[in-house]
Amino acid sequence: MVTEESKSHSRFGELLTVNEVMDITKLGRTTVYRLMDAGKIHSIRIGTSRRITGESIEKLLTESSVE
């Protein structure tokens, strides 16, 4: 469930690691990377690392729960 607090927190640019996204979504590493490559999860590169925006995870979870 997405609360008002979590919505406002992600608007301030919360960035998550791939491992954190895996924990939140219960998806595997390969699936997370495939979703990033497909553009379904917005990510940015910081050096050689990738960070995922909290907002894109909220959107993914919201869209998934509707279907």
Protein backbone atom coordinates (compact mmCIF):
# COMPACT_ATOMS: atom_id res chain seq x y z
CA MET A 1 0.00 0.00 0.00
CA VAL A 2 1.31 3.43 -0.94
CA THR A 3 0.87 5.98 1.82
CA GLU A 4 0.96 9.75 1.58
CA GLU A 5 4.23 9.70 3.49
CA SER A 6 5.91 7.35 1.01
CA LYS A 7 4.56 9.38 -1.93
CA SER A 8 6.01 12.62 -0.61
CA HIS A 9 9.29 10.95 0.27
CA SER A 10 9.85 9.64 -3.27
CA ARG A 11 9.08 13.05 -4.78
CA PHE A 12 12.27 14.27 -3.13
CA GLY A 13 14.33 11.90 -5.23
CA GLU A 14 14.73 8.73 -3.22
CA LEU A 15 17.16 6.51 -5.11
CA LEU A 16 17.19 2.76 -4.56
CA THR A 17 19.79 0.14 -5.36
CA VAL A 18 18.95 -2.90 -7.47
CA ASN A 19 19.11 -5.03 -4.29
CA GLU A 20 16.65 -2.74 -2.51
CA VAL A 21 14.25 -2.95 -5.47
CA MET A 22 14.61 -6.75 -5.41
CA ASP A 23 13.65 -6.76 -1.71
CA ILE A 24 10.68 -4.43 -2.21
CA THR A 25 9.24 -6.11 -5.30
CA LYS A 26 10.33 -9.71 -4.61
CA LEU A 27 11.68 -9.84 -8.18
CA GLY A 28 14.98 -11.34 -9.24
CA ARG A 29 18.03 -9.36 -10.35
CA THR A 30 17.61 -10.29 -14.03
CA THR A 31 13.95 -9.22 -14.02
CA VAL A 32 14.81 -5.85 -12.44
CA TYR A 33 17.48 -5.22 -15.09
CA ARG A 34 15.09 -6.27 -17.87
CA LEU A 35 12.45 -3.85 -16.55
CA MET A 36 15.07 -1.07 -16.53
CA ASP A 37 16.18 -1.93 -20.08
CA ALA A 38 12.53 -1.97 -21.24
CA GLY A 39 11.95 1.47 -19.70
CA LYS A 40 9.35 0.24 -17.22
CA ILE A 41 11.58 1.25 -14.30
CA HIS A 42 13.42 4.58 -14.52
CA SER A 43 17.05 4.36 -13.47
CA ILE A 44 20.14 6.51 -13.56
CA ARG A 45 23.80 5.61 -13.64
CA ILE A 46 26.14 6.84 -10.95
CA GLY A 47 29.57 5.69 -12.06
CA THR A 48 29.15 1.98 -12.74
CA SER A 49 26.14 1.65 -10.40
CA ARG A 50 22.50 2.03 -11.28
CA ARG A 51 19.95 3.66 -9.02
CA ILE A 52 16.21 3.40 -9.41
CA THR A 53 13.82 6.18 -8.48
CA GLY A 54 11.33 5.41 -5.75
CA GLU A 55 8.63 7.02 -7.87
CA SER A 56 9.13 4.52 -10.70
CA ILE A 57 8.83 1.61 -8.25
CA GLU A 58 5.60 3.08 -6.83
CA LYS A 59 4.27 3.41 -10.38
CA LEU A 60 5.27 -0.17 -11.24
CA LEU A 61 3.60 -1.56 -8.12
CA THR A 62 0.46 0.53 -8.63
CA GLU A 63 0.12 -0.52 -12.28
CA SER A 64 0.78 -4.16 -11.40
CA SER A 65 -1.87 -4.22 -8.69
CA VAL A 66 -4.50 -2.78 -11.05
CA GLU A 67 -4.00 -5.43 -13.74
